[in-house]
Protein backbone atom coordinates (compact mmCIF):
# COMPACT_ATOMS: atom_id res chain seq x y z
CA MET A 1 -11.26 -12.54 3.88
CA TYR A 2 -13.59 -9.69 5.69
CA LYS A 3 -16.92 -10.03 6.93
CA PHE A 4 -18.54 -6.94 4.81
CA PRO A 5 -21.77 -5.33 6.81
CA LYS A 6 -25.23 -5.86 4.93
CA GLY A 7 -26.66 -2.69 3.33
CA LEU A 8 -23.06 -0.97 2.58
CA TYR A 9 -20.50 -0.48 0.08
CA VAL A 10 -16.99 -1.16 1.32
CA ASP A 11 -13.51 -1.53 0.02
CA VAL A 12 -10.10 -2.25 1.84
CA ARG A 13 -6.71 -1.31 0.04
CA ILE A 14 -3.77 -2.82 1.94
CA GLU A 15 -0.51 -1.55 0.47
CA GLU A 16 3.06 -3.22 1.77
CA THR A 17 6.04 -0.75 0.79
CA PHE A 18 9.55 -1.21 0.31
CA ASP A 19 11.74 1.74 -0.19
CA THR A 20 15.77 2.96 -0.55
CA LYS A 21 17.12 6.27 -0.66
CA ILE A 22 20.71 6.70 -0.35
CA GLY A 23 21.83 10.87 -0.64
CA PHE A 24 24.95 12.23 -1.32
CA LYS A 25 26.08 15.87 -1.00
CA LYS A 26 29.06 16.37 -3.31
CA LEU A 27 30.75 13.06 -2.08
CA THR A 28 29.82 12.95 1.34
CA LEU A 29 27.35 10.55 2.10
CA GLU A 30 24.13 12.61 3.90
CA GLU A 31 21.30 9.76 3.67
CA HIS A 32 20.97 6.47 3.84
CA LYS A 33 17.50 5.08 4.81
CA ILE A 34 15.61 1.49 4.00
CA ARG A 35 12.21 1.55 4.85
CA ASN A 36 9.36 -0.99 5.21
CA ASN A 37 6.00 0.00 5.62
CA LYS A 38 2.69 -1.55 5.44
CA GLY A 39 -1.38 -0.01 6.28
CA ALA A 40 -4.46 0.13 4.73
CA PHE A 41 -7.24 2.43 3.90
CA ILE A 42 -10.81 1.68 4.36
CA ARG A 43 -14.11 2.90 2.78
CA VAL A 44 -17.69 2.71 3.61
CA PHE A 45 -20.30 4.25 1.37
CA ASP A 46 -24.30 4.25 2.26
CA GLY A 47 -25.54 5.84 -0.67
CA ARG A 48 -25.34 9.71 0.85
CA ARG A 49 -21.63 9.93 2.01
CA TRP A 50 -18.33 8.30 2.31
CA TYR A 51 -16.51 7.27 5.47
CA TYR A 52 -12.93 6.59 5.85
CA SER A 53 -10.22 5.17 8.04
CA SER A 54 -6.26 4.37 7.43
CA THR A 55 -4.58 2.23 9.69
CA THR A 56 -1.21 0.64 10.21
CA ASP A 57 -2.66 -2.27 11.91
CA ILE A 58 -3.25 -4.62 9.76
CA ASP A 59 -5.00 -7.14 12.17
CA GLY A 60 -7.71 -4.83 13.03
CA ILE A 61 -8.77 -4.01 9.62
CA GLN A 62 -12.25 -5.78 10.71
CA ALA A 63 -12.50 -3.74 13.67
CA GLN A 64 -12.30 -0.36 11.31
CA ILE A 65 -14.91 -1.43 8.81
CA ASP A 66 -17.27 -2.60 12.08
CA THR A 67 -16.36 1.11 13.18
CA LEU A 68 -17.22 2.95 10.04
CA ALA A 69 -20.38 0.92 9.64
CA GLU A 70 -21.75 2.00 12.76
CA MET A 71 -21.55 5.50 11.86
CA ALA A 72 -23.43 4.90 8.46
CA ALA A 73 -26.94 4.22 7.69
CA ALA A 74 -27.72 0.58 6.15
CA ASN A 75 -29.35 1.24 2.80
CA PRO A 76 -31.14 -2.07 1.73
CA ASP A 77 -30.57 -0.53 -2.09
CA ILE A 78 -26.94 0.43 -2.38
CA LEU A 79 -26.11 -1.97 -5.14
CA GLU A 80 -28.53 0.01 -7.00
CA HIS A 81 -26.87 3.37 -6.21
CA PRO A 82 -25.45 4.43 -9.79
CA ILE A 83 -21.92 4.87 -8.00
CA VAL A 84 -21.80 1.28 -6.69
CA LYS A 85 -23.43 0.23 -9.68
CA ALA A 86 -20.40 1.21 -11.65
CA PHE A 87 -17.63 -0.52 -9.56
CA GLU A 88 -15.91 -3.21 -11.65
CA VAL A 89 -15.90 -6.51 -10.28
CA ASN A 90 -12.27 -8.09 -11.14
CA GLN A 91 -10.26 -11.15 -9.65
CA ASP A 92 -6.83 -11.07 -10.23
CA ARG A 93 -3.11 -11.82 -9.27
CA ILE A 94 -0.25 -9.94 -11.03
CA LEU A 95 3.36 -10.42 -9.06
CA GLN A 96 6.17 -9.43 -11.39
CA TYR A 97 9.23 -8.99 -9.35
CA ASP A 98 9.36 -11.81 -7.15
CA LYS A 99 12.86 -13.02 -8.99
CA GLU A 100 13.95 -9.43 -9.99
CA SER A 101 13.21 -7.37 -6.48
CA VAL A 102 15.14 -4.16 -5.95
CA THR A 103 14.62 -5.52 -2.35
CA ASP A 104 17.13 -8.74 -3.24
CA ILE A 105 19.88 -6.16 -4.24
CA PRO A 106 22.43 -5.63 -1.40
CA VAL A 107 22.21 -1.85 -0.30
CA GLU A 108 26.00 -1.49 -0.61
CA GLU A 109 25.62 -2.36 -4.53
CA LYS A 110 23.15 0.47 -5.14
CA GLN A 111 25.64 2.79 -2.84
CA ASP A 112 28.72 1.78 -5.29
CA LEU A 113 26.83 2.25 -7.98
CA LEU A 114 25.86 6.01 -7.60
CA GLU A 115 29.43 6.78 -6.36
CA SER A 116 30.53 5.28 -9.73
CA TYR A 117 28.74 8.06 -11.28
CA LEU A 118 29.73 10.45 -9.01
CA ALA A 119 33.54 9.89 -9.87
CA LEU A 120 32.75 11.02 -13.27
CA ILE A 121 32.60 14.52 -12.15
CA ARG A 122 35.58 16.31 -12.59
CA ASP A 123 35.11 19.62 -14.41
CA PRO A 124 35.41 22.55 -12.34
CA VAL A 125 32.61 24.31 -13.84
CA ILE A 126 30.80 21.91 -12.09
CA VAL A 127 31.12 23.91 -8.41
CA HIS A 128 28.51 21.43 -6.29
CA HIS A 129 26.32 18.48 -6.69
CA SER A 130 23.75 16.51 -4.75
CA SER A 131 22.60 13.21 -5.86
CA PHE A 132 20.49 10.18 -4.75
CA TYR A 133 19.64 6.87 -5.32
CA VAL A 134 15.81 5.53 -4.64
CA ASP A 135 13.96 2.53 -5.39
CA ASN A 136 10.65 1.19 -4.33
CA LYS A 137 8.37 -2.14 -4.64
CA THR A 138 4.72 -1.87 -3.32
CA VAL A 139 2.30 -4.69 -3.45
CA LYS A 140 -0.76 -3.66 -3.35
CA SER A 141 -4.29 -5.93 -2.52
CA ILE A 142 -7.80 -4.49 -2.84
CA TYR A 143 -11.26 -6.32 -1.62
CA THR A 144 -14.44 -4.80 -1.94
CA SER A 145 -17.58 -6.08 -0.79
CA LYS A 146 -18.99 -6.43 -4.68
CA GLY A 147 -16.24 -9.31 -4.89
CA THR A 148 -13.39 -7.69 -6.20
CA ARG A 149 -10.05 -9.51 -4.78
CA VAL A 150 -7.04 -8.31 -6.77
CA THR A 151 -3.42 -8.25 -5.92
CA PHE A 152 -0.23 -6.76 -7.73
CA ASP A 153 3.02 -5.29 -7.64
CA LYS A 154 4.84 -2.50 -9.15
CA GLN A 155 8.72 -1.66 -8.72
CA THR A 156 10.75 1.21 -9.89
CA CYS A 157 14.52 2.88 -9.15
CA GLY A 158 16.18 5.86 -10.34
CA ILE A 159 19.37 7.63 -9.75
CA ARG A 160 18.99 11.87 -9.73
CA ILE A 161 22.14 14.19 -9.60
CA ASN A 162 21.93 17.66 -9.37
CA LEU A 163 24.21 19.97 -10.63
CA GLU A 164 25.37 23.41 -9.54
CA LEU A 165 27.30 25.23 -12.17
CA ALA A 166 29.21 28.31 -12.78
CA SER A 167 31.81 29.93 -15.43
CA GLY A 168 32.83 33.44 -15.11
CA GLU A 169 29.58 35.21 -14.48
CA ASN A 170 27.24 32.64 -15.87
CA LYS A 171 25.34 30.17 -13.54
CA ASN A 172 22.95 27.38 -13.86
CA GLN A 173 21.43 24.40 -12.08
CA THR A 174 20.13 21.25 -13.77
CA SER A 175 20.11 17.71 -13.45
CA ALA A 176 20.99 14.41 -14.91
CA THR A 177 18.16 11.39 -14.09
CA ARG A 178 17.66 7.81 -15.53
CA ALA A 179 14.97 5.88 -14.00
CA GLY A 180 13.85 2.31 -14.55
CA VAL A 181 11.85 -0.77 -13.41
CA PHE A 182 14.45 -3.20 -12.68
CA PHE A 183 17.74 -2.40 -10.88
CA GLU A 184 19.74 -3.64 -13.82
CA ASP A 185 18.28 -1.01 -16.04
CA LEU A 186 20.55 1.56 -14.05
CA LEU A 187 23.71 -0.23 -14.72
CA ASN A 188 26.45 0.90 -17.51
CA LEU A 189 25.20 4.16 -17.51
CA GLU A 190 28.56 5.99 -17.59
CA ASP A 191 28.25 7.23 -21.23
CA PHE A 192 24.90 8.46 -20.34
CA PHE A 193 26.12 10.79 -17.30
CA GLN A 194 29.14 11.61 -18.85
CA THR A 195 27.29 13.15 -21.89
CA GLU A 196 24.72 15.20 -19.71
CA PHE A 197 27.78 16.56 -17.35
CA ASP A 198 29.59 17.62 -20.53
CA LYS A 199 26.40 19.13 -22.02
CA SER A 200 25.66 20.77 -19.03
CA VAL A 201 29.46 22.36 -18.68
CA THR A 202 29.29 23.61 -22.31
CA PHE A 203 25.67 25.30 -21.97
CA THR A 204 26.82 26.95 -18.73
CA ARG A 205 29.87 28.22 -20.36
CA ASP A 206 28.43 29.00 -23.96
CA ALA A 207 25.02 29.76 -23.53
CA GLU A 208 23.72 33.48 -24.51
CA PRO A 209 20.48 35.29 -23.17
CA VAL A 210 17.77 34.58 -25.75
CA ILE A 211 16.44 37.70 -27.63
CA PRO A 212 12.79 37.61 -26.08
CA GLY A 213 9.62 37.27 -28.85
CA GLU A 214 7.65 34.71 -30.79
CA TYR A 215 9.08 31.96 -31.85
CA PRO A 216 8.35 27.95 -33.52
CA VAL A 217 9.58 25.81 -30.52
CA LEU A 218 10.65 22.17 -30.90
CA LEU A 219 9.91 20.41 -27.57
CA SER A 220 12.26 17.06 -27.01
CA PRO A 221 10.17 14.09 -26.00
CA GLU A 222 10.81 15.30 -21.97
CA ALA A 223 9.44 18.84 -22.70
CA THR A 224 6.59 17.23 -24.94
CA GLY A 225 5.95 15.07 -21.48
CA VAL A 226 5.94 18.09 -19.07
CA PHE A 227 3.79 19.80 -21.77
CA THR A 228 1.64 17.62 -22.21
CA HIS A 229 1.39 16.87 -18.11
CA GLU A 230 1.29 20.24 -17.09
CA SER A 231 -0.48 22.35 -19.42
CA PHE A 232 -3.13 19.31 -20.50
CA GLY A 233 -3.32 16.43 -18.54
CA HIS A 234 -4.82 18.21 -15.56
CA LYS A 235 -7.27 19.67 -17.71
CA SER A 236 -8.41 16.49 -18.69
CA GLU A 237 -8.88 15.03 -14.94
CA SER A 238 -12.84 14.80 -14.67
CA ASP A 239 -13.11 16.07 -11.15
CA PHE A 240 -12.62 19.48 -12.28
CA MET A 241 -15.49 19.45 -14.43
CA VAL A 242 -17.99 17.98 -11.83
CA GLY A 243 -20.25 20.98 -10.84
CA ASP A 244 -18.41 23.51 -13.37
CA GLU A 245 -20.43 24.08 -16.51
CA THR A 246 -17.94 26.44 -17.67
CA MET A 247 -15.66 23.78 -17.69
CA LYS A 248 -17.64 21.54 -18.95
CA ALA A 249 -18.55 23.22 -21.96
CA GLU A 250 -14.84 24.25 -22.51
CA TRP A 251 -13.89 20.56 -22.91
CA ALA A 252 -17.08 19.24 -24.59
CA LEU A 253 -16.32 15.92 -26.42
CA GLY A 254 -16.18 15.86 -29.77
CA LYS A 255 -14.37 19.47 -29.87
CA ARG A 256 -11.50 19.77 -32.29
CA ILE A 257 -8.77 21.22 -30.56
CA GLY A 258 -5.63 20.03 -32.65
CA LYS A 259 -4.87 18.92 -36.27
CA ASP A 260 -5.19 15.33 -37.38
CA LEU A 261 -1.72 14.27 -36.26
CA LEU A 262 -2.16 15.40 -32.52
CA THR A 263 -3.34 12.26 -30.26
CA ILE A 264 -2.78 12.42 -26.82
CA ILE A 265 -2.81 9.25 -24.39
CA ASP A 266 -3.14 7.86 -20.84
CA ASP A 267 -1.97 4.63 -20.02
CA GLY A 268 -2.01 2.86 -16.94
CA THR A 269 -0.83 -0.58 -18.67
CA VAL A 270 2.68 1.30 -19.49
CA LEU A 271 5.21 -0.13 -17.22
CA GLY A 272 7.21 2.73 -14.96
CA ASN A 273 6.05 5.54 -12.63
CA GLY A 274 2.80 5.06 -14.04
CA TYR A 275 1.76 1.73 -13.60
CA VAL A 276 -1.76 1.08 -12.69
CA PRO A 277 -2.69 -2.49 -13.26
CA TYR A 278 -5.70 -1.73 -11.15
CA ASP A 279 -6.37 2.09 -9.75
CA ASP A 280 -6.94 2.25 -6.28
CA GLU A 281 -10.86 1.27 -6.47
CA GLY A 282 -10.05 -1.76 -7.93
CA THR A 283 -10.71 -0.68 -11.71
CA LYS A 284 -8.67 -2.30 -14.62
CA GLY A 285 -6.15 0.08 -15.98
CA ARG A 286 -6.53 0.85 -19.59
CA LYS A 287 -5.22 2.92 -22.43
CA THR A 288 -7.28 6.16 -22.74
CA TYR A 289 -7.54 8.79 -25.80
CA ILE A 290 -7.87 12.04 -24.66
CA ILE A 291 -7.50 13.37 -27.87
CA THR A 292 -8.15 11.44 -31.28
CA ASN A 293 -6.71 12.92 -34.14
CA GLY A 294 -7.35 16.10 -33.15
CA ILE A 295 -10.73 15.87 -31.62
CA LEU A 296 -11.22 15.81 -27.67
CA SER A 297 -12.31 11.98 -27.07
CA GLY A 298 -12.32 11.37 -23.20
CA ARG A 299 -11.28 12.30 -19.88
CA LEU A 300 -9.98 10.75 -16.78
CA HIS A 301 -12.15 9.13 -14.22
CA SER A 302 -12.69 7.82 -10.69
CA ILE A 303 -15.88 5.71 -10.01
CA ALA A 304 -17.41 8.95 -9.00
CA THR A 305 -16.85 11.39 -11.77
CA ALA A 306 -17.83 8.75 -14.58
CA ALA A 307 -21.24 7.88 -12.90
CA GLN A 308 -21.92 11.47 -12.66
CA LEU A 309 -20.79 12.43 -15.96
CA GLY A 310 -22.40 9.33 -17.49
CA GLU A 311 -19.53 7.95 -18.85
CA SER A 312 -16.89 5.09 -18.71
CA LEU A 313 -14.24 4.20 -16.47
CA THR A 314 -10.58 4.81 -17.33
CA GLY A 315 -8.97 3.36 -13.97
CA ASN A 316 -7.63 6.64 -12.91
CA ALA A 317 -8.57 6.54 -8.79
CA ARG A 318 -5.01 7.15 -7.84
CA ALA A 319 -4.11 7.59 -4.20
CA MET A 320 -0.71 8.98 -2.99
CA ASN A 321 -0.33 5.83 -0.57
CA PHE A 322 -3.03 4.24 1.96
CA GLU A 323 -3.35 7.48 4.03
CA PHE A 324 -5.10 9.14 1.32
CA GLU A 325 -8.66 8.69 -0.34
CA PRO A 326 -8.01 7.79 -4.24
CA ILE A 327 -8.65 11.20 -6.56
CA VAL A 328 -8.52 11.38 -10.23
CA ARG A 329 -4.67 11.55 -11.37
CA MET A 330 -2.96 10.71 -14.64
CA THR A 331 -0.57 7.35 -14.63
CA THR A 332 1.61 8.04 -18.07
CA THR A 333 0.38 10.46 -20.34
CA TYR A 334 2.36 11.25 -23.73
CA ILE A 335 1.47 12.43 -27.18
CA GLU A 336 1.46 9.56 -29.71
CA LYS A 337 4.07 9.63 -31.88
CA GLY A 338 4.17 10.90 -35.50
CA GLU A 339 5.40 9.54 -38.82
CA ARG A 340 8.17 12.54 -40.01
CA PRO A 341 11.79 11.73 -39.02
CA LEU A 342 13.02 14.51 -36.32
CA LYS A 343 15.84 15.45 -39.24
CA ASP A 344 12.77 16.28 -41.50
CA ILE A 345 11.04 18.41 -39.13
CA ILE A 346 14.29 20.44 -37.81
CA SER A 347 15.20 21.10 -41.55
CA GLU A 348 12.22 23.46 -42.11
CA MET A 349 12.92 25.78 -38.93
CA ASN A 350 14.70 28.66 -40.11
CA ASN A 351 14.34 30.82 -36.59
CA GLY A 352 13.30 28.35 -34.03
CA ILE A 353 14.19 27.27 -30.15
CA TYR A 354 15.04 23.86 -29.29
CA VAL A 355 14.05 22.78 -25.49
CA GLU A 356 15.90 20.09 -24.59
CA THR A 357 15.77 19.35 -21.04
CA ILE A 358 13.28 21.09 -18.23
CA LYS A 359 13.54 22.36 -14.87
CA HIS A 360 9.84 22.43 -14.01
CA GLY A 361 6.47 23.20 -15.49
CA SER A 362 3.26 24.18 -14.45
CA GLY A 363 -0.11 25.57 -15.80
CA MET A 364 -4.06 24.93 -16.45
CA SER A 365 -5.64 27.30 -18.89
CA THR A 366 -2.26 29.14 -19.52
CA PHE A 367 1.13 26.98 -18.90
CA THR A 368 4.72 27.63 -18.10
CA LEU A 369 7.71 25.76 -19.16
CA ALA A 370 11.17 26.77 -17.48
CA PRO A 371 14.17 25.18 -19.67
CA ALA A 372 17.30 23.94 -18.13
CA ARG A 373 18.76 23.49 -21.80
CA ALA A 374 17.58 24.98 -24.98
CA TYR A 375 19.09 25.90 -28.01
CA LYS A 376 18.75 28.21 -31.28
CA ILE A 377 17.63 26.60 -34.38
CA GLU A 378 18.79 28.27 -37.22
CA ASN A 379 18.60 27.52 -41.34
CA GLY A 380 17.35 23.99 -40.36
CA LYS A 381 20.17 23.06 -37.54
CA ILE A 382 20.27 22.91 -33.70
CA THR A 383 23.13 25.40 -33.29
CA LYS A 384 24.01 28.24 -30.29
CA PRO A 385 22.75 27.71 -26.79
CA VAL A 386 20.46 30.14 -25.41
CA LYS A 387 19.63 31.17 -21.65
CA VAL A 388 15.69 30.86 -21.72
CA SER A 389 13.60 31.52 -18.55
CA VAL A 390 10.27 30.38 -19.40
CA VAL A 391 8.41 29.46 -22.40
CA THR A 392 4.52 30.53 -22.53
CA GLY A 393 1.72 29.75 -24.11
CA ASN A 394 -2.45 29.08 -23.80
CA VAL A 395 -3.17 25.17 -23.76
CA PHE A 396 -5.82 25.29 -26.58
CA THR A 397 -3.87 27.73 -28.64
CA THR A 398 -0.90 26.09 -28.58
CA LEU A 399 -2.41 22.28 -28.87
CA ALA A 400 -4.39 24.22 -32.34
CA ASP A 401 -0.32 25.28 -33.38
CA VAL A 402 1.13 21.87 -32.88
CA ASP A 403 2.11 21.26 -36.30
CA ALA A 404 4.56 18.47 -36.41
CA VAL A 405 5.45 15.41 -34.43
CA SER A 406 8.53 13.13 -34.94
CA GLU A 407 8.61 9.38 -35.54
CA GLU A 408 11.40 9.46 -32.84
CA PHE A 409 9.95 8.73 -29.33
CA GLU A 410 10.52 8.24 -25.55
CA LEU A 411 8.97 7.91 -22.30
CA VAL A 412 10.17 8.77 -18.80
CA SER A 413 9.70 8.99 -15.53
CA PHE A 414 10.28 11.41 -12.76
CA VAL A 415 13.17 10.57 -10.43
CA GLY A 416 12.62 12.65 -7.06
CA GLY A 417 9.40 14.49 -6.72
CA GLY A 418 6.18 13.71 -8.79
CA CYS A 419 2.91 15.03 -9.41
CA GLY A 420 1.10 17.30 -6.60
CA LYS A 421 -2.99 17.74 -6.73
CA MET A 422 -4.41 18.63 -3.67
CA GLU A 423 -2.71 17.84 -0.52
CA GLN A 424 -1.41 14.36 -2.44
CA TRP A 425 2.10 14.92 -3.29
CA PRO A 426 4.42 13.68 -4.97
CA LEU A 427 2.63 10.65 -6.90
CA PRO A 428 4.91 9.03 -9.12
CA VAL A 429 3.67 9.48 -13.02
CA GLY A 430 4.99 8.49 -16.63
CA PHE A 431 5.08 10.96 -19.63
CA GLY A 432 6.93 11.86 -22.71
CA GLY A 433 6.22 11.49 -26.22
CA PRO A 434 7.75 12.32 -29.87
CA TYR A 435 9.51 15.75 -30.51
CA THR A 436 6.86 18.16 -30.74
CA ARG A 437 6.82 21.11 -32.94
CA VAL A 438 4.69 23.98 -32.12
CA LYS A 439 4.33 27.09 -34.71
CA LYS A 440 4.33 29.67 -32.23
CA LEU A 441 5.10 30.21 -28.24
CA LYS A 442 6.51 33.01 -26.17
CA VAL A 443 10.00 32.79 -25.33
CA GLN A 444 11.66 34.98 -22.98
C-alpha cells in the first residue's frame, strides 16, 4: 500500500471516526453534534530516534513518510534493533459493527431516548440536571514496514445524567450513567434510571456526616474498578519504571503484595471502552495478569518498554487519537471475581462503610476515592446513608488488606470523561470487578 524506505522502521495508523453528542440543560437542548473525522499518525525510526507526523490528508501519507525519512539516517541493521525486533507482524481484519452500527440510528431517535429518561425526573429535591447522549464508532488500520496489516472497528455509546440535589441544608451532586456497545443496550432503562434518581434523592435527604476514623470498607464493583484503575493500574504502566530503579525495586515481579484471593487483570479483548484487539503499534490485544493470587506477575507495556525491560508484549500502547503518539495505557482493568456470596461478606461486618458510587478518584502510591453514595454497615446489614468526603489509603497496604472478594461481578465504562495521562485525556477505558472488602481504610 505504501512504499517504505529501506533502512528504517515505519508504521502508519489511520483512524476514521464517527461521533454523536446530544446535550441538555434541564429540558433545553444545548448541544447537537454529529462529527466525522479521518486522520493518520506516521512514525519513522532509524534506531536512534523517532520521527512523528499526524495529518488529515490521507492522500498525502506517502509524502509524509518520505519527508520523515529524509530527516532520519538509514540504518542497514534496523531489523536487528531490539525495539524493531520486538514488533509483532499481524495481518487481520475484524469488522463487527457493519450491521448494528450507531451510524445507522437516526439522531432523532437518540435524542428521543435521552428525553424519555429526563421525563422521569420529577422530584423537587432534584433542583437542576444536565445530561448527554454520546456515541463513537472508530475504524482503525495499522500498516508497518515489517508487514503488519490490520483493520478493526470498535463502538461505544452511553447516557449520562448529572444531578444537583438539595433538601433543606443538605446538598449533593451525583450522576446516573449507563454505557453500551450497541444502541439497543441503552433501551428500556426506565427502571434503572428511576432507581438511581430515587436513591440519590433519599441519600440527599437522609445522609448524615460520617464519624471520621478507620473502618473496614466494602467497595461496589464501580468503586472497586475506580480503586483498581487509579491506585494500582497506573503503577503497573511500565513507562513509570524505565530509568527509575526505586520504582522497579518496589514493583519487582514475584513480590507478594496481597492474599491468594487477589488477582488483578488488564484485558484488551473485552468489548467496551477498553476494547483493543490490536494496540496502536499493531500488537495483538491480550489478557495480562498483573497480580496473580497475591503475587506481582506482570506489568503493562509498549514495544519500547517491553524491549527495555526484557519482558513480553502486552498490547497496551494506546493513543487518544491520530494526533498523538502511543504510550503505555490501560485497557479494561479489574479485580477477578471471588467465590463468596456478597451477603456472606456483609454479614461479617459489624461497623463498616459501604461505598456504592464514586464521584472521582486519584492516586499513585497513596490513593483517594470521593464517594457519591456511601452507607453504614451495622451488625451485618447495610443501613443508613452517610456523607463521606474521601476514603484514602496506601496502595500496597490496601492491597494487602483486601480480605474478601465476591462472586458477584460487573464491568463498567466511563460515559463522558476517561483516563488522563500526560497530555492525553480523556482516553476510554473499562474497569470494574467484584464487591471488594478492605480490612481497614481511612474514612472522613
